[in-house]
All heavy atoms as atom14 arrays in JSON, in Angstrom:
{
  "sequence": "GDDYDTPDGTCLRDYIHVVDLAEGHVKAIQYLDSHDAGVCLFNLGTG",
  "atom14_mask": [
    [1, 1, 1, 1, 0, 0, 0, 0, 0, 0, 0, 0, 0, 0],
    [1, 1, 1, 1, 1, 1, 1, 1, 0, 0, 0, 0, 0, 0],
    [1, 1, 1, 1, 1, 1, 1, 1, 0, 0, 0, 0, 0, 0],
    [1, 1, 1, 1, 1, 1, 1, 1, 1, 1, 1, 1, 0, 0],
    [1, 1, 1, 1, 1, 1, 1, 1, 0, 0, 0, 0, 0, 0],
    [1, 1, 1, 1, 1, 1, 1, 0, 0, 0, 0, 0, 0, 0],
    [1, 1, 1, 1, 1, 1, 1, 0, 0, 0, 0, 0, 0, 0],
    [1, 1, 1, 1, 1, 1, 1, 1, 0, 0, 0, 0, 0, 0],
    [1, 1, 1, 1, 0, 0, 0, 0, 0, 0, 0, 0, 0, 0],
    [1, 1, 1, 1, 1, 1, 1, 0, 0, 0, 0, 0, 0, 0],
    [1, 1, 1, 1, 1, 1, 0, 0, 0, 0, 0, 0, 0, 0],
    [1, 1, 1, 1, 1, 1, 1, 1, 0, 0, 0, 0, 0, 0],
    [1, 1, 1, 1, 1, 1, 1, 1, 1, 1, 1, 0, 0, 0],
    [1, 1, 1, 1, 1, 1, 1, 1, 0, 0, 0, 0, 0, 0],
    [1, 1, 1, 1, 1, 1, 1, 1, 1, 1, 1, 1, 0, 0],
    [1, 1, 1, 1, 1, 1, 1, 1, 0, 0, 0, 0, 0, 0],
    [1, 1, 1, 1, 1, 1, 1, 1, 1, 1, 0, 0, 0, 0],
    [1, 1, 1, 1, 1, 1, 1, 0, 0, 0, 0, 0, 0, 0],
    [1, 1, 1, 1, 1, 1, 1, 0, 0, 0, 0, 0, 0, 0],
    [1, 1, 1, 1, 1, 1, 1, 1, 0, 0, 0, 0, 0, 0],
    [1, 1, 1, 1, 1, 1, 1, 1, 0, 0, 0, 0, 0, 0],
    [1, 1, 1, 1, 1, 0, 0, 0, 0, 0, 0, 0, 0, 0],
    [1, 1, 1, 1, 1, 1, 1, 1, 1, 0, 0, 0, 0, 0],
    [1, 1, 1, 1, 0, 0, 0, 0, 0, 0, 0, 0, 0, 0],
    [1, 1, 1, 1, 1, 1, 1, 1, 1, 1, 0, 0, 0, 0],
    [1, 1, 1, 1, 1, 1, 1, 0, 0, 0, 0, 0, 0, 0],
    [1, 1, 1, 1, 1, 1, 1, 1, 1, 0, 0, 0, 0, 0],
    [1, 1, 1, 1, 1, 0, 0, 0, 0, 0, 0, 0, 0, 0],
    [1, 1, 1, 1, 1, 1, 1, 1, 0, 0, 0, 0, 0, 0],
    [1, 1, 1, 1, 1, 1, 1, 1, 1, 0, 0, 0, 0, 0],
    [1, 1, 1, 1, 1, 1, 1, 1, 1, 1, 1, 1, 0, 0],
    [1, 1, 1, 1, 1, 1, 1, 1, 0, 0, 0, 0, 0, 0],
    [1, 1, 1, 1, 1, 1, 1, 1, 0, 0, 0, 0, 0, 0],
    [1, 1, 1, 1, 1, 1, 0, 0, 0, 0, 0, 0, 0, 0],
    [1, 1, 1, 1, 1, 1, 1, 1, 1, 1, 0, 0, 0, 0],
    [1, 1, 1, 1, 1, 1, 1, 1, 0, 0, 0, 0, 0, 0],
    [1, 1, 1, 1, 1, 0, 0, 0, 0, 0, 0, 0, 0, 0],
    [1, 1, 1, 1, 0, 0, 0, 0, 0, 0, 0, 0, 0, 0],
    [1, 1, 1, 1, 1, 1, 1, 0, 0, 0, 0, 0, 0, 0],
    [1, 1, 1, 1, 1, 1, 0, 0, 0, 0, 0, 0, 0, 0],
    [1, 1, 1, 1, 1, 1, 1, 1, 0, 0, 0, 0, 0, 0],
    [1, 1, 1, 1, 1, 1, 1, 1, 1, 1, 1, 0, 0, 0],
    [1, 1, 1, 1, 1, 1, 1, 1, 0, 0, 0, 0, 0, 0],
    [1, 1, 1, 1, 1, 1, 1, 1, 0, 0, 0, 0, 0, 0],
    [1, 1, 1, 1, 0, 0, 0, 0, 0, 0, 0, 0, 0, 0],
    [1, 1, 1, 1, 1, 1, 1, 0, 0, 0, 0, 0, 0, 0],
    [1, 1, 1, 1, 0, 0, 0, 0, 0, 0, 0, 0, 0, 0]
  ],
  "atom14_positions": [
    [[20.25, 6.79, -11.92], [20.61, 5.45, -12.33], [19.71, 4.89, -13.41], [18.48, 4.95, -13.31], [0.0, 0.0, 0.0], [0.0, 0.0, 0.0], [0.0, 0.0, 0.0], [0.0, 0.0, 0.0], [0.0, 0.0, 0.0], [0.0, 0.0, 0.0], [0.0, 0.0, 0.0], [0.0, 0.0, 0.0], [0.0, 0.0, 0.0], [0.0, 0.0, 0.0]],
    [[20.33, 4.38, -14.48], [19.58, 3.7, -15.53], [20.24, 2.36, -15.87], [20.09, 1.84, -16.97], [19.46, 4.58, -16.78], [20.8, 4.92, -17.41], [21.85, 4.65, -16.78], [20.81, 5.45, -18.54], [0.0, 0.0, 0.0], [0.0, 0.0, 0.0], [0.0, 0.0, 0.0], [0.0, 0.0, 0.0], [0.0, 0.0, 0.0], [0.0, 0.0, 0.0]],
    [[20.97, 1.82, -14.88], [21.68, 0.55, -15.1], [21.3, -0.51, -14.06], [22.07, -1.41, -13.76], [23.2, 0.79, -15.06], [23.68, 1.4, -13.74], [22.83, 1.82, -12.93], [24.9, 1.46, -13.54], [0.0, 0.0, 0.0], [0.0, 0.0, 0.0], [0.0, 0.0, 0.0], [0.0, 0.0, 0.0], [0.0, 0.0, 0.0], [0.0, 0.0, 0.0]],
    [[20.09, -0.38, -13.52], [19.6, -1.39, -12.57], [19.14, -2.64, -13.32], [18.86, -2.6, -14.53], [18.42, -0.83, -11.76], [18.83, 0.16, -10.69], [18.82, 1.53, -10.95], [19.2, -0.27, -9.42], [19.18, 2.45, -9.97], [19.57, 0.64, -8.43], [19.56, 1.99, -8.72], [19.91, 2.89, -7.75], [0.0, 0.0, 0.0], [0.0, 0.0, 0.0]],
    [[19.05, -3.73, -12.59], [18.59, -4.99, -13.16], [17.06, -5.0, -13.23], [16.37, -5.73, -12.51], [19.1, -6.16, -12.33], [18.75, -7.51, -12.95], [18.42, -7.53, -14.16], [18.81, -8.53, -12.24], [0.0, 0.0, 0.0], [0.0, 0.0, 0.0], [0.0, 0.0, 0.0], [0.0, 0.0, 0.0], [0.0, 0.0, 0.0], [0.0, 0.0, 0.0]],
    [[16.54, -4.14, -14.09], [15.11, -4.02, -14.33], [14.89, -3.96, -15.83], [15.86, -3.76, -16.58], [14.53, -2.74, -13.68], [15.18, -1.6, -14.25], [14.74, -2.74, -12.16], [0.0, 0.0, 0.0], [0.0, 0.0, 0.0], [0.0, 0.0, 0.0], [0.0, 0.0, 0.0], [0.0, 0.0, 0.0], [0.0, 0.0, 0.0], [0.0, 0.0, 0.0]],
    [[13.67, -4.12, -16.32], [13.45, -4.16, -17.77], [14.0, -2.95, -18.53], [14.49, -3.11, -19.65], [11.92, -4.24, -17.88], [11.52, -5.0, -16.65], [12.45, -4.51, -15.58], [0.0, 0.0, 0.0], [0.0, 0.0, 0.0], [0.0, 0.0, 0.0], [0.0, 0.0, 0.0], [0.0, 0.0, 0.0], [0.0, 0.0, 0.0], [0.0, 0.0, 0.0]],
    [[13.94, -1.75, -17.94], [14.45, -0.58, -18.68], [15.63, 0.09, -17.97], [16.06, 1.17, -18.35], [13.35, 0.43, -18.97], [12.74, 1.07, -17.71], [13.38, 1.01, -16.64], [11.64, 1.62, -17.8], [0.0, 0.0, 0.0], [0.0, 0.0, 0.0], [0.0, 0.0, 0.0], [0.0, 0.0, 0.0], [0.0, 0.0, 0.0], [0.0, 0.0, 0.0]],
    [[16.15, -0.54, -16.91], [17.33, -0.03, -16.23], [17.05, 0.95, -15.12], [17.96, 1.31, -14.36], [0.0, 0.0, 0.0], [0.0, 0.0, 0.0], [0.0, 0.0, 0.0], [0.0, 0.0, 0.0], [0.0, 0.0, 0.0], [0.0, 0.0, 0.0], [0.0, 0.0, 0.0], [0.0, 0.0, 0.0], [0.0, 0.0, 0.0], [0.0, 0.0, 0.0]],
    [[15.79, 1.41, -14.97], [15.47, 2.36, -13.9], [14.68, 1.65, -12.81], [14.08, 0.59, -13.03], [14.66, 3.56, -14.43], [13.42, 3.11, -15.0], [15.46, 4.32, -15.48], [0.0, 0.0, 0.0], [0.0, 0.0, 0.0], [0.0, 0.0, 0.0], [0.0, 0.0, 0.0], [0.0, 0.0, 0.0], [0.0, 0.0, 0.0], [0.0, 0.0, 0.0]],
    [[14.69, 2.24, -11.62], [14.06, 1.62, -10.46], [12.56, 1.43, -10.66], [11.88, 2.27, -11.26], [14.29, 2.49, -9.22], [16.01, 2.57, -8.68], [0.0, 0.0, 0.0], [0.0, 0.0, 0.0], [0.0, 0.0, 0.0], [0.0, 0.0, 0.0], [0.0, 0.0, 0.0], [0.0, 0.0, 0.0], [0.0, 0.0, 0.0], [0.0, 0.0, 0.0]],
    [[12.05, 0.33, -10.1], [10.61, 0.06, -10.1], [10.05, 0.36, -8.71], [10.61, -0.09, -7.7], [10.34, -1.41, -10.42], [10.65, -1.93, -11.82], [10.36, -3.42, -11.88], [9.81, -1.21, -12.86], [0.0, 0.0, 0.0], [0.0, 0.0, 0.0], [0.0, 0.0, 0.0], [0.0, 0.0, 0.0], [0.0, 0.0, 0.0], [0.0, 0.0, 0.0]],
    [[8.96, 1.12, -8.69], [8.3, 1.43, -7.42], [6.81, 1.21, -7.54], [6.23, 1.3, -8.63], [8.57, 2.9, -7.02], [10.03, 3.19, -6.69], [10.46, 2.5, -5.42], [11.85, 2.8, -5.06], [12.89, 2.06, -5.43], [12.71, 0.98, -6.17], [14.11, 2.39, -5.05], [0.0, 0.0, 0.0], [0.0, 0.0, 0.0], [0.0, 0.0, 0.0]],
    [[6.18, 0.95, -6.4], [4.74, 0.75, -6.34], [4.08, 2.09, -6.01], [4.03, 2.51, -4.85], [4.42, -0.3, -5.26], [2.97, -0.76, -5.29], [2.13, -0.05, -5.86], [2.7, -1.85, -4.75], [0.0, 0.0, 0.0], [0.0, 0.0, 0.0], [0.0, 0.0, 0.0], [0.0, 0.0, 0.0], [0.0, 0.0, 0.0], [0.0, 0.0, 0.0]],
    [[3.59, 2.77, -7.04], [2.92, 4.06, -6.84], [1.43, 3.81, -6.62], [0.79, 3.08, -7.37], [3.13, 4.97, -8.05], [4.58, 5.3, -8.3], [5.29, 4.69, -9.33], [5.26, 6.2, -7.49], [6.63, 4.98, -9.55], [6.6, 6.5, -7.68], [7.28, 5.88, -8.72], [8.6, 6.16, -8.93], [0.0, 0.0, 0.0], [0.0, 0.0, 0.0]],
    [[0.88, 4.45, -5.59], [-0.54, 4.3, -5.27], [-1.18, 5.68, -5.22], [-0.62, 6.62, -4.65], [-0.75, 3.53, -3.95], [-2.24, 3.42, -3.61], [0.03, 4.15, -2.79], [-2.55, 2.52, -2.43], [0.0, 0.0, 0.0], [0.0, 0.0, 0.0], [0.0, 0.0, 0.0], [0.0, 0.0, 0.0], [0.0, 0.0, 0.0], [0.0, 0.0, 0.0]],
    [[-2.35, 5.8, -5.84], [-3.05, 7.09, -5.85], [-3.44, 7.46, -4.43], [-3.93, 6.62, -3.66], [-4.29, 6.99, -6.74], [-4.83, 8.32, -7.17], [-5.33, 9.25, -6.28], [-4.93, 8.89, -8.41], [-5.73, 10.32, -6.94], [-5.5, 10.12, -8.24], [0.0, 0.0, 0.0], [0.0, 0.0, 0.0], [0.0, 0.0, 0.0], [0.0, 0.0, 0.0]],
    [[-3.24, 8.71, -4.07], [-3.5, 9.15, -2.7], [-4.96, 8.98, -2.31], [-5.28, 8.75, -1.14], [-3.03, 10.61, -2.51], [-3.88, 11.58, -3.33], [-3.03, 11.01, -1.04], [0.0, 0.0, 0.0], [0.0, 0.0, 0.0], [0.0, 0.0, 0.0], [0.0, 0.0, 0.0], [0.0, 0.0, 0.0], [0.0, 0.0, 0.0], [0.0, 0.0, 0.0]],
    [[-5.87, 9.05, -3.28], [-7.3, 8.84, -2.97], [-7.55, 7.37, -2.62], [-8.31, 7.07, -1.7], [-8.18, 9.3, -4.14], [-9.64, 8.91, -3.91], [-8.07, 10.82, -4.32], [0.0, 0.0, 0.0], [0.0, 0.0, 0.0], [0.0, 0.0, 0.0], [0.0, 0.0, 0.0], [0.0, 0.0, 0.0], [0.0, 0.0, 0.0], [0.0, 0.0, 0.0]],
    [[-6.9, 6.46, -3.35], [-6.98, 5.04, -2.96], [-6.43, 4.85, -1.55], [-7.03, 4.14, -0.72], [-6.16, 4.18, -3.94], [-6.92, 3.83, -5.21], [-8.16, 3.76, -5.16], [-6.27, 3.65, -6.25], [0.0, 0.0, 0.0], [0.0, 0.0, 0.0], [0.0, 0.0, 0.0], [0.0, 0.0, 0.0], [0.0, 0.0, 0.0], [0.0, 0.0, 0.0]],
    [[-5.3, 5.46, -1.29], [-4.67, 5.33, 0.02], [-5.6, 5.84, 1.12], [-5.76, 5.21, 2.18], [-3.35, 6.09, 0.03], [-2.43, 5.89, 1.23], [-2.05, 4.43, 1.38], [-1.18, 6.76, 1.09], [0.0, 0.0, 0.0], [0.0, 0.0, 0.0], [0.0, 0.0, 0.0], [0.0, 0.0, 0.0], [0.0, 0.0, 0.0], [0.0, 0.0, 0.0]],
    [[-6.22, 6.99, 0.88], [-7.15, 7.55, 1.85], [-8.3, 6.59, 2.13], [-8.69, 6.38, 3.29], [-7.69, 8.88, 1.33], [0.0, 0.0, 0.0], [0.0, 0.0, 0.0], [0.0, 0.0, 0.0], [0.0, 0.0, 0.0], [0.0, 0.0, 0.0], [0.0, 0.0, 0.0], [0.0, 0.0, 0.0], [0.0, 0.0, 0.0], [0.0, 0.0, 0.0]],
    [[-8.82, 5.97, 1.08], [-9.92, 5.03, 1.26], [-9.46, 3.8, 2.04], [-10.25, 3.19, 2.78], [-10.51, 4.66, -0.09], [-11.24, 5.84, -0.73], [-11.73, 5.57, -2.15], [-11.47, 4.46, -2.67], [-12.36, 6.47, -2.72], [0.0, 0.0, 0.0], [0.0, 0.0, 0.0], [0.0, 0.0, 0.0], [0.0, 0.0, 0.0], [0.0, 0.0, 0.0]],
    [[-8.18, 3.45, 1.9], [-7.63, 2.35, 2.69], [-7.69, 2.64, 4.18], [-7.91, 1.73, 5.0], [0.0, 0.0, 0.0], [0.0, 0.0, 0.0], [0.0, 0.0, 0.0], [0.0, 0.0, 0.0], [0.0, 0.0, 0.0], [0.0, 0.0, 0.0], [0.0, 0.0, 0.0], [0.0, 0.0, 0.0], [0.0, 0.0, 0.0], [0.0, 0.0, 0.0]],
    [[-7.51, 3.89, 4.56], [-7.58, 4.26, 5.98], [-9.0, 4.14, 6.51], [-9.22, 3.75, 7.65], [-7.04, 5.67, 6.18], [-5.56, 5.77, 6.04], [-4.94, 5.77, 4.82], [-4.57, 5.83, 6.96], [-3.63, 5.85, 4.99], [-3.38, 5.88, 6.29], [0.0, 0.0, 0.0], [0.0, 0.0, 0.0], [0.0, 0.0, 0.0], [0.0, 0.0, 0.0]],
    [[-9.97, 4.5, 5.68], [-11.37, 4.34, 6.09], [-11.68, 2.86, 6.31], [-12.32, 2.48, 7.3], [-12.32, 4.94, 5.04], [-13.78, 4.68, 5.42], [-12.08, 6.44, 4.9], [0.0, 0.0, 0.0], [0.0, 0.0, 0.0], [0.0, 0.0, 0.0], [0.0, 0.0, 0.0], [0.0, 0.0, 0.0], [0.0, 0.0, 0.0], [0.0, 0.0, 0.0]],
    [[-11.22, 2.02, 5.4], [-11.45, 0.59, 5.55], [-10.76, 0.04, 6.79], [-11.26, -0.89, 7.44], [-11.0, -0.15, 4.29], [-11.93, 0.09, 3.09], [-11.57, -0.77, 1.92], [-12.54, -0.56, 0.76], [-13.92, -1.01, 1.1], [0.0, 0.0, 0.0], [0.0, 0.0, 0.0], [0.0, 0.0, 0.0], [0.0, 0.0, 0.0], [0.0, 0.0, 0.0]],
    [[-9.61, 0.62, 7.15], [-8.92, 0.2, 8.37], [-9.73, 0.54, 9.61], [-9.83, -0.27, 10.54], [-7.54, 0.84, 8.43], [0.0, 0.0, 0.0], [0.0, 0.0, 0.0], [0.0, 0.0, 0.0], [0.0, 0.0, 0.0], [0.0, 0.0, 0.0], [0.0, 0.0, 0.0], [0.0, 0.0, 0.0], [0.0, 0.0, 0.0], [0.0, 0.0, 0.0]],
    [[-10.33, 1.73, 9.64], [-11.19, 2.11, 10.76], [-12.38, 1.15, 10.86], [-12.74, 0.67, 11.94], [-11.69, 3.56, 10.58], [-10.55, 4.56, 10.75], [-12.83, 3.88, 11.56], [-10.06, 4.73, 12.17], [0.0, 0.0, 0.0], [0.0, 0.0, 0.0], [0.0, 0.0, 0.0], [0.0, 0.0, 0.0], [0.0, 0.0, 0.0], [0.0, 0.0, 0.0]],
    [[-12.99, 0.86, 9.73], [-14.13, -0.06, 9.71], [-13.73, -1.45, 10.16], [-14.49, -2.13, 10.86], [-14.74, -0.08, 8.3], [-15.36, 1.25, 7.9], [-15.69, 1.35, 6.41], [-15.17, 0.56, 5.6], [-16.54, 2.3, 6.06], [0.0, 0.0, 0.0], [0.0, 0.0, 0.0], [0.0, 0.0, 0.0], [0.0, 0.0, 0.0], [0.0, 0.0, 0.0]],
    [[-12.54, -1.87, 9.78], [-12.03, -3.18, 10.18], [-11.88, -3.25, 11.69], [-12.28, -4.24, 12.33], [-10.69, -3.44, 9.49], [-10.07, -4.78, 9.79], [-10.37, -5.9, 9.01], [-9.16, -4.93, 10.84], [-9.8, -7.14, 9.28], [-8.59, -6.17, 11.11], [-8.91, -7.27, 10.33], [-8.35, -8.49, 10.6], [0.0, 0.0, 0.0], [0.0, 0.0, 0.0]],
    [[-11.29, -2.2, 12.29], [-11.11, -2.18, 13.74], [-12.46, -2.23, 14.45], [-12.6, -2.89, 15.49], [-10.33, -0.94, 14.17], [-8.87, -0.87, 13.73], [-8.24, 0.43, 14.23], [-8.06, -2.08, 14.21], [0.0, 0.0, 0.0], [0.0, 0.0, 0.0], [0.0, 0.0, 0.0], [0.0, 0.0, 0.0], [0.0, 0.0, 0.0], [0.0, 0.0, 0.0]],
    [[-13.45, -1.54, 13.92], [-14.77, -1.5, 14.55], [-15.4, -2.89, 14.63], [-16.19, -3.16, 15.55], [-15.71, -0.57, 13.77], [-15.42, 0.89, 14.03], [-14.84, 1.2, 15.09], [-15.78, 1.73, 13.19], [0.0, 0.0, 0.0], [0.0, 0.0, 0.0], [0.0, 0.0, 0.0], [0.0, 0.0, 0.0], [0.0, 0.0, 0.0], [0.0, 0.0, 0.0]],
    [[-15.05, -3.76, 13.69], [-15.74, -5.05, 13.6], [-14.87, -6.24, 14.02], [-15.27, -7.39, 13.85], [-16.24, -5.28, 12.17], [-15.15, -5.3, 11.26], [0.0, 0.0, 0.0], [0.0, 0.0, 0.0], [0.0, 0.0, 0.0], [0.0, 0.0, 0.0], [0.0, 0.0, 0.0], [0.0, 0.0, 0.0], [0.0, 0.0, 0.0], [0.0, 0.0, 0.0]],
    [[-13.67, -5.95, 14.57], [-12.77, -7.04, 14.96], [-12.33, -6.91, 16.41], [-12.49, -5.86, 17.04], [-11.55, -7.07, 14.02], [-11.86, -7.68, 12.69], [-12.55, -6.97, 11.72], [-11.57, -8.89, 12.15], [-12.69, -7.74, 10.65], [-12.11, -8.9, 10.89], [0.0, 0.0, 0.0], [0.0, 0.0, 0.0], [0.0, 0.0, 0.0], [0.0, 0.0, 0.0]],
    [[-11.75, -7.99, 16.9], [-11.31, -8.03, 18.28], [-10.06, -7.17, 18.49], [-9.4, -6.76, 17.53], [-11.01, -9.48, 18.69], [-12.26, -10.35, 18.7], [-13.36, -9.8, 18.88], [-12.11, -11.58, 18.52], [0.0, 0.0, 0.0], [0.0, 0.0, 0.0], [0.0, 0.0, 0.0], [0.0, 0.0, 0.0], [0.0, 0.0, 0.0], [0.0, 0.0, 0.0]],
    [[-9.75, -6.95, 19.75], [-8.59, -6.15, 20.1], [-7.3, -6.83, 19.66], [-7.24, -8.04, 19.45], [-8.57, -5.88, 21.6], [0.0, 0.0, 0.0], [0.0, 0.0, 0.0], [0.0, 0.0, 0.0], [0.0, 0.0, 0.0], [0.0, 0.0, 0.0], [0.0, 0.0, 0.0], [0.0, 0.0, 0.0], [0.0, 0.0, 0.0], [0.0, 0.0, 0.0]],
    [[-6.24, -6.01, 19.54], [-4.94, -6.52, 19.12], [-4.37, -5.66, 18.01], [-4.89, -4.58, 17.71], [0.0, 0.0, 0.0], [0.0, 0.0, 0.0], [0.0, 0.0, 0.0], [0.0, 0.0, 0.0], [0.0, 0.0, 0.0], [0.0, 0.0, 0.0], [0.0, 0.0, 0.0], [0.0, 0.0, 0.0], [0.0, 0.0, 0.0], [0.0, 0.0, 0.0]],
    [[-3.29, -6.15, 17.41], [-2.6, -5.4, 16.35], [-2.77, -6.12, 15.02], [-2.57, -7.33, 14.93], [-1.09, -5.26, 16.67], [-0.37, -4.54, 15.53], [-0.89, -4.51, 17.98], [0.0, 0.0, 0.0], [0.0, 0.0, 0.0], [0.0, 0.0, 0.0], [0.0, 0.0, 0.0], [0.0, 0.0, 0.0], [0.0, 0.0, 0.0], [0.0, 0.0, 0.0]],
    [[-3.17, -5.37, 14.0], [-3.24, -5.92, 12.65], [-2.33, -5.09, 11.75], [-1.99, -3.95, 12.07], [-4.67, -5.95, 12.12], [-5.51, -4.35, 12.11], [0.0, 0.0, 0.0], [0.0, 0.0, 0.0], [0.0, 0.0, 0.0], [0.0, 0.0, 0.0], [0.0, 0.0, 0.0], [0.0, 0.0, 0.0], [0.0, 0.0, 0.0], [0.0, 0.0, 0.0]],
    [[-1.96, -5.65, 10.63], [-0.97, -5.04, 9.75], [-1.35, -5.27, 8.29], [-1.7, -6.39, 7.91], [0.41, -5.66, 10.03], [1.52, -5.45, 9.01], [1.9, -3.98, 8.92], [2.74, -6.3, 9.39], [0.0, 0.0, 0.0], [0.0, 0.0, 0.0], [0.0, 0.0, 0.0], [0.0, 0.0, 0.0], [0.0, 0.0, 0.0], [0.0, 0.0, 0.0]],
    [[-1.28, -4.19, 7.49], [-1.6, -4.32, 6.07], [-0.68, -3.45, 5.22], [-0.37, -2.31, 5.58], [-3.05, -3.88, 5.79], [-4.08, -4.7, 6.49], [-4.66, -4.24, 7.66], [-4.46, -5.94, 6.01], [-5.61, -4.99, 8.34], [-5.41, -6.71, 6.67], [-5.99, -6.23, 7.84], [0.0, 0.0, 0.0], [0.0, 0.0, 0.0], [0.0, 0.0, 0.0]],
    [[-0.25, -4.0, 4.09], [0.37, -3.2, 3.05], [-0.71, -2.51, 2.24], [-1.75, -3.11, 1.95], [1.15, -4.09, 2.07], [2.44, -4.63, 2.64], [3.03, -4.04, 3.54], [2.88, -5.76, 2.12], [0.0, 0.0, 0.0], [0.0, 0.0, 0.0], [0.0, 0.0, 0.0], [0.0, 0.0, 0.0], [0.0, 0.0, 0.0], [0.0, 0.0, 0.0]],
    [[-0.47, -1.27, 1.85], [-1.36, -0.58, 0.91], [-0.54, -0.16, -0.31], [0.32, 0.7, -0.23], [-2.0, 0.65, 1.56], [-3.0, 0.38, 2.69], [-3.63, 1.68, 3.16], [-4.09, -0.61, 2.28], [0.0, 0.0, 0.0], [0.0, 0.0, 0.0], [0.0, 0.0, 0.0], [0.0, 0.0, 0.0], [0.0, 0.0, 0.0], [0.0, 0.0, 0.0]],
    [[-0.82, -0.81, -1.4], [-0.14, -0.51, -2.67], [-1.0, -1.02, -3.81], [-2.15, -1.43, -3.61], [0.0, 0.0, 0.0], [0.0, 0.0, 0.0], [0.0, 0.0, 0.0], [0.0, 0.0, 0.0], [0.0, 0.0, 0.0], [0.0, 0.0, 0.0], [0.0, 0.0, 0.0], [0.0, 0.0, 0.0], [0.0, 0.0, 0.0], [0.0, 0.0, 0.0]],
    [[-0.44, -1.03, -5.01], [-1.17, -1.55, -6.16], [-0.78, -2.98, -6.48], [-1.47, -3.66, -7.23], [-0.92, -0.69, -7.41], [0.47, -0.76, -7.76], [-1.32, 0.76, -7.17], [0.0, 0.0, 0.0], [0.0, 0.0, 0.0], [0.0, 0.0, 0.0], [0.0, 0.0, 0.0], [0.0, 0.0, 0.0], [0.0, 0.0, 0.0], [0.0, 0.0, 0.0]],
    [[0.37, -3.42, -5.96], [0.83, -4.76, -6.24], [1.63, -4.88, -7.51], [1.93, -5.99, -7.96], [0.0, 0.0, 0.0], [0.0, 0.0, 0.0], [0.0, 0.0, 0.0], [0.0, 0.0, 0.0], [0.0, 0.0, 0.0], [0.0, 0.0, 0.0], [0.0, 0.0, 0.0], [0.0, 0.0, 0.0], [0.0, 0.0, 0.0], [0.0, 0.0, 0.0]]
  ]
}
């Protein structure tokens, strides 16, 4: 498809480097270590 309602007609996606993503998981572990019990939720992307 090249006829989408986007600036150049093709789909837009949020690509994130796998190394950034991996580091996000480390930060999630650290977050759990320093916070109370329960469920937290985060998007990981470039924005």
